[in-house]
Amino acid sequence: MTNTTTTSVARPGAKAGQSNEFTLISELKPGGAERMRKLFADGFTGERQNNTDRIATVHDLRFIIFDNDTRVVFASTFDGSWDSYMDDFGTIIPDEIDLLFHECVNYPGIHSPRFKDWAVSVQVTAVGFYSAYPEASVRDVWKALKTKKAFDDLLDSAAA
């Protein structure tokens, strides 16, 4: 990715502890809503879930098509800085990001030096943002769940 320099420029998005929200609203290309629905027919399962998990900072995300199929919202909650989140898109899952966003009007492509400027131009900051666990990262949650499973397995084997 050609635009990986981290900057101290204030970025849009609300913050709660270490959790950040990202909300993007973009116009769709003609016919883009139908093509996007087909792309998401199976949701975020299988390879798409594995690709998203590889970023390891994404708590949740969603795409919503609205305004008579003319616009889309992409909303997510992530750990870390805005710039590192954008950089992760381009270095960890660039093909997936281009596939998911190519129906957005004026999307320049993840490797374009204009990518971050485009993202800022279509991003809106939430007026209210809540995180149930604002100090826990995705990796913290995964570790806690793995620990809980191991403990539950130990208790189950001791009870048998």
C-alpha atoms as a PDB file:
ATOM      1  CA  MET A   1       0.000   0.000   0.000  1.00  0.00           C
ATOM      2  CA  THR A   2       1.440   3.337  -0.945  1.00  0.00           C
ATOM      3  CA  ASN A   3      -0.247   5.453   1.725  1.00  0.00           C
ATOM      4  CA  THR A   4       0.948   3.872   4.955  1.00  0.00           C
ATOM      5  CA  THR A   5       2.552   6.847   6.638  1.00  0.00           C
ATOM      6  CA  THR A   6       0.997   7.480  10.004  1.00  0.00           C
ATOM      7  CA  THR A   7      -0.015  11.052  10.578  1.00  0.00           C
ATOM      8  CA  SER A   8      -1.014  13.045  13.621  1.00  0.00           C
ATOM      9  CA  VAL A   9      -3.908  14.660  11.738  1.00  0.00           C
ATOM     10  CA  ALA A  10      -7.161  14.382  13.673  1.00  0.00           C
ATOM     11  CA  ARG A  11      -9.333  11.726  12.068  1.00  0.00           C
ATOM     12  CA  PRO A  12     -13.112  11.387  12.176  1.00  0.00           C
ATOM     13  CA  GLY A  13     -14.823   8.888  14.450  1.00  0.00           C
ATOM     14  CA  ALA A  14     -15.840   8.692  18.081  1.00  0.00           C
ATOM     15  CA  LYS A  15     -13.793   6.878  20.725  1.00  0.00           C
ATOM     16  CA  ALA A  16     -14.721   5.007  23.916  1.00  0.00           C
ATOM     17  CA  GLY A  17     -11.644   3.820  25.791  1.00  0.00           C
ATOM     18  CA  GLN A  18      -9.522   2.040  23.218  1.00  0.00           C
ATOM     19  CA  SER A  19     -12.539   1.310  20.965  1.00  0.00           C
ATOM     20  CA  ASN A  20     -13.152   3.481  17.916  1.00  0.00           C
ATOM     21  CA  GLU A  21     -16.170   3.719  15.658  1.00  0.00           C
ATOM     22  CA  PHE A  22     -15.978   4.069  11.906  1.00  0.00           C
ATOM     23  CA  THR A  23     -19.066   4.986   9.883  1.00  0.00           C
ATOM     24  CA  LEU A  24     -18.865   5.494   6.143  1.00  0.00           C
ATOM     25  CA  ILE A  25     -21.808   6.569   3.965  1.00  0.00           C
ATOM     26  CA  SER A  26     -21.316   6.351   0.217  1.00  0.00           C
ATOM     27  CA  GLU A  27     -23.380   6.561  -2.920  1.00  0.00           C
ATOM     28  CA  LEU A  28     -23.521   3.322  -4.893  1.00  0.00           C
ATOM     29  CA  LYS A  29     -22.848   2.878  -8.587  1.00  0.00           C
ATOM     30  CA  PRO A  30     -25.922   2.067 -10.715  1.00  0.00           C
ATOM     31  CA  GLY A  31     -26.811  -1.576 -10.047  1.00  0.00           C
ATOM     32  CA  GLY A  32     -24.303  -1.652  -7.160  1.00  0.00           C
ATOM     33  CA  ALA A  33     -26.886  -2.530  -4.519  1.00  0.00           C
ATOM     34  CA  GLU A  34     -27.886  -5.744  -6.278  1.00  0.00           C
ATOM     35  CA  ARG A  35     -24.268  -6.730  -6.922  1.00  0.00           C
ATOM     36  CA  MET A  36     -23.425  -5.999  -3.281  1.00  0.00           C
ATOM     37  CA  ARG A  37     -26.352  -8.109  -2.038  1.00  0.00           C
ATOM     38  CA  LYS A  38     -25.064 -11.036  -4.123  1.00  0.00           C
ATOM     39  CA  LEU A  39     -21.582 -10.512  -2.718  1.00  0.00           C
ATOM     40  CA  PHE A  40     -22.946 -10.692   0.836  1.00  0.00           C
ATOM     41  CA  ALA A  41     -25.444 -13.516   0.187  1.00  0.00           C
ATOM     42  CA  ASP A  42     -23.553 -15.789   2.615  1.00  0.00           C
ATOM     43  CA  GLY A  43     -22.738 -13.025   5.103  1.00  0.00           C
ATOM     44  CA  PHE A  44     -19.386 -12.961   6.859  1.00  0.00           C
ATOM     45  CA  THR A  45     -18.789 -16.694   7.040  1.00  0.00           C
ATOM     46  CA  GLY A  46     -16.009 -18.954   5.839  1.00  0.00           C
ATOM     47  CA  GLU A  47     -13.218 -17.217   3.989  1.00  0.00           C
ATOM     48  CA  ARG A  48     -14.767 -13.742   4.406  1.00  0.00           C
ATOM     49  CA  GLN A  49     -14.820 -14.210   8.208  1.00  0.00           C
ATOM     50  CA  ASN A  50     -11.262 -15.572   8.160  1.00  0.00           C
ATOM     51  CA  ASN A  51     -10.089 -12.567   6.150  1.00  0.00           C
ATOM     52  CA  THR A  52     -11.742 -10.143   8.566  1.00  0.00           C
ATOM     53  CA  ASP A  53     -10.341 -12.004  11.594  1.00  0.00           C
ATOM     54  CA  ARG A  54      -6.831 -11.644  10.146  1.00  0.00           C
ATOM     55  CA  ILE A  55      -6.987  -7.917  10.883  1.00  0.00           C
ATOM     56  CA  ALA A  56      -7.467  -8.854  14.578  1.00  0.00           C
ATOM     57  CA  THR A  57      -8.696  -5.381  15.562  1.00  0.00           C
ATOM     58  CA  VAL A  58     -12.278  -5.476  14.217  1.00  0.00           C
ATOM     59  CA  HIS A  59     -14.920  -5.915  16.935  1.00  0.00           C
ATOM     60  CA  ASP A  60     -17.868  -5.775  14.558  1.00  0.00           C
ATOM     61  CA  LEU A  61     -18.921  -4.434  11.195  1.00  0.00           C
ATOM     62  CA  ARG A  62     -21.980  -4.109   9.013  1.00  0.00           C
ATOM     63  CA  PHE A  63     -23.028  -2.942   5.561  1.00  0.00           C
ATOM     64  CA  ILE A  64     -26.515  -1.422   5.144  1.00  0.00           C
ATOM     65  CA  ILE A  65     -27.998  -0.545   1.758  1.00  0.00           C
ATOM     66  CA  PHE A  66     -30.621   2.213   1.914  1.00  0.00           C
ATOM     67  CA  ASP A  67     -32.262   5.149   0.085  1.00  0.00           C
ATOM     68  CA  ASN A  68     -33.884   2.952  -2.561  1.00  0.00           C
ATOM     69  CA  ASP A  69     -30.619   1.097  -3.220  1.00  0.00           C
ATOM     70  CA  THR A  70     -28.626   4.274  -3.921  1.00  0.00           C
ATOM     71  CA  ARG A  71     -26.402   4.451  -0.809  1.00  0.00           C
ATOM     72  CA  VAL A  72     -24.573   2.177   1.599  1.00  0.00           C
ATOM     73  CA  VAL A  73     -23.447   2.504   5.204  1.00  0.00           C
ATOM     74  CA  PHE A  74     -20.376   0.661   6.403  1.00  0.00           C
ATOM     75  CA  ALA A  75     -20.050   0.796  10.181  1.00  0.00           C
ATOM     76  CA  SER A  76     -17.458  -0.885  12.359  1.00  0.00           C
ATOM     77  CA  THR A  77     -15.810  -0.791  15.758  1.00  0.00           C
ATOM     78  CA  PHE A  78     -12.048  -1.289  15.889  1.00  0.00           C
ATOM     79  CA  ASP A  79      -8.979  -1.142  18.118  1.00  0.00           C
ATOM     80  CA  GLY A  80      -6.062   1.207  17.551  1.00  0.00           C
ATOM     81  CA  SER A  81      -5.647   4.338  15.499  1.00  0.00           C
ATOM     82  CA  TRP A  82      -7.656   5.325  12.440  1.00  0.00           C
ATOM     83  CA  ASP A  83      -4.534   5.333  10.266  1.00  0.00           C
ATOM     84  CA  SER A  84      -3.437   1.856  11.353  1.00  0.00           C
ATOM     85  CA  TYR A  85      -6.977   0.555  10.726  1.00  0.00           C
ATOM     86  CA  MET A  86      -6.877   1.940   7.172  1.00  0.00           C
ATOM     87  CA  ASP A  87      -3.328   0.642   6.673  1.00  0.00           C
ATOM     88  CA  ASP A  88      -4.399  -2.840   7.823  1.00  0.00           C
ATOM     89  CA  PHE A  89      -7.011  -2.880   5.057  1.00  0.00           C
ATOM     90  CA  GLY A  90      -4.297  -2.324   2.463  1.00  0.00           C
ATOM     91  CA  THR A  91      -1.617  -4.583   3.881  1.00  0.00           C
ATOM     92  CA  ILE A  92      -3.611  -7.504   5.320  1.00  0.00           C
ATOM     93  CA  ILE A  93      -6.690  -7.881   3.082  1.00  0.00           C
ATOM     94  CA  PRO A  94      -6.372  -5.518   0.098  1.00  0.00           C
ATOM     95  CA  ASP A  95      -8.205  -7.754  -2.391  1.00  0.00           C
ATOM     96  CA  GLU A  96     -11.114  -8.233   0.013  1.00  0.00           C
ATOM     97  CA  ILE A  97     -11.403  -4.492   0.644  1.00  0.00           C
ATOM     98  CA  ASP A  98     -11.394  -3.710  -3.082  1.00  0.00           C
ATOM     99  CA  LEU A  99     -14.066  -6.378  -3.622  1.00  0.00           C
ATOM    100  CA  LEU A 100     -16.267  -5.048  -0.790  1.00  0.00           C
ATOM    101  CA  PHE A 101     -16.019  -1.355  -1.679  1.00  0.00           C
ATOM    102  CA  HIS A 102     -15.720  -1.296  -5.473  1.00  0.00           C
ATOM    103  CA  GLU A 103     -19.463  -0.535  -5.823  1.00  0.00           C
ATOM    104  CA  CYS A 104     -18.992   2.761  -3.941  1.00  0.00           C
ATOM    105  CA  VAL A 105     -18.949   5.889  -6.107  1.00  0.00           C
ATOM    106  CA  ASN A 106     -15.451   7.396  -6.442  1.00  0.00           C
ATOM    107  CA  TYR A 107     -13.781   4.533  -4.536  1.00  0.00           C
ATOM    108  CA  PRO A 108     -10.167   4.881  -5.724  1.00  0.00           C
ATOM    109  CA  GLY A 109      -8.945   1.416  -4.704  1.00  0.00           C
ATOM    110  CA  ILE A 110      -7.068   0.450  -1.566  1.00  0.00           C
ATOM    111  CA  HIS A 111      -3.623   0.995  -3.130  1.00  0.00           C
ATOM    112  CA  SER A 112      -4.414   4.502  -4.347  1.00  0.00           C
ATOM    113  CA  PRO A 113      -2.674   7.360  -2.537  1.00  0.00           C
ATOM    114  CA  ARG A 114      -6.177   8.932  -2.480  1.00  0.00           C
ATOM    115  CA  PHE A 115      -7.725   6.081  -0.460  1.00  0.00           C
ATOM    116  CA  LYS A 116      -7.522   7.747   2.965  1.00  0.00           C
ATOM    117  CA  ASP A 117      -8.789  11.047   1.567  1.00  0.00           C
ATOM    118  CA  TRP A 118     -11.753   9.211   0.025  1.00  0.00           C
ATOM    119  CA  ALA A 119     -12.457   7.440   3.333  1.00  0.00           C
ATOM    120  CA  VAL A 120     -12.433  10.753   5.221  1.00  0.00           C
ATOM    121  CA  SER A 121     -14.684  12.343   2.589  1.00  0.00           C
ATOM    122  CA  VAL A 122     -17.419   9.723   3.107  1.00  0.00           C
ATOM    123  CA  GLN A 123     -16.950   9.138   6.841  1.00  0.00           C
ATOM    124  CA  VAL A 124     -19.301  10.609   9.427  1.00  0.00           C
ATOM    125  CA  THR A 125     -18.692  10.692  13.160  1.00  0.00           C
ATOM    126  CA  ALA A 126     -21.336   9.110  15.360  1.00  0.00           C
ATOM    127  CA  VAL A 127     -23.092  11.517  17.693  1.00  0.00           C
ATOM    128  CA  GLY A 128     -23.380   8.696  20.232  1.00  0.00           C
ATOM    129  CA  PHE A 129     -21.057   5.718  20.587  1.00  0.00           C
ATOM    130  CA  TYR A 130     -21.172   2.991  23.247  1.00  0.00           C
ATOM    131  CA  SER A 131     -18.807   0.106  23.872  1.00  0.00           C
ATOM    132  CA  ALA A 132     -19.693  -2.586  26.421  1.00  0.00           C
ATOM    133  CA  TYR A 133     -16.004  -3.269  26.988  1.00  0.00           C
ATOM    134  CA  PRO A 134     -14.115  -0.088  26.044  1.00  0.00           C
ATOM    135  CA  GLU A 135     -10.799  -1.209  27.511  1.00  0.00           C
ATOM    136  CA  ALA A 136     -10.800  -4.728  25.990  1.00  0.00           C
ATOM    137  CA  SER A 137      -9.217  -5.251  22.592  1.00  0.00           C
ATOM    138  CA  VAL A 138     -10.356  -7.930  20.159  1.00  0.00           C
ATOM    139  CA  ARG A 139      -7.282  -9.962  21.125  1.00  0.00           C
ATOM    140  CA  ASP A 140      -8.181  -9.559  24.836  1.00  0.00           C
ATOM    141  CA  VAL A 141     -11.675 -10.911  24.128  1.00  0.00           C
ATOM    142  CA  TRP A 142     -10.323 -13.831  22.080  1.00  0.00           C
ATOM    143  CA  LYS A 143      -7.854 -14.673  24.870  1.00  0.00           C
ATOM    144  CA  ALA A 144     -10.578 -14.495  27.530  1.00  0.00           C
ATOM    145  CA  LEU A 145     -12.844 -16.788  25.494  1.00  0.00           C
ATOM    146  CA  LYS A 146     -10.005 -19.271  24.947  1.00  0.00           C
ATOM    147  CA  THR A 147      -9.225 -19.220  28.682  1.00  0.00           C
ATOM    148  CA  LYS A 148     -12.898 -19.707  29.544  1.00  0.00           C
ATOM    149  CA  LYS A 149     -13.154 -22.669  27.168  1.00  0.00           C
ATOM    150  CA  ALA A 150     -10.039 -24.288  28.647  1.00  0.00           C
ATOM    151  CA  PHE A 151     -11.387 -23.752  32.167  1.00  0.00           C
ATOM    152  CA  ASP A 152     -14.827 -25.123  31.217  1.00  0.00           C
ATOM    153  CA  ASP A 153     -13.161 -28.184  29.634  1.00  0.00           C
ATOM    154  CA  LEU A 154     -11.127 -28.710  32.818  1.00  0.00           C
ATOM    155  CA  LEU A 155     -14.237 -28.485  34.985  1.00  0.00           C
ATOM    156  CA  ASP A 156     -16.139 -30.845  32.661  1.00  0.00           C
ATOM    157  CA  SER A 157     -13.345 -33.432  32.773  1.00  0.00           C
ATOM    158  CA  ALA A 158     -13.109 -33.177  36.576  1.00  0.00           C
ATOM    159  CA  ALA A 159     -16.865 -33.739  36.888  1.00  0.00           C
ATOM    160  CA  ALA A 160     -16.809 -36.812  34.633  1.00  0.00           C
END
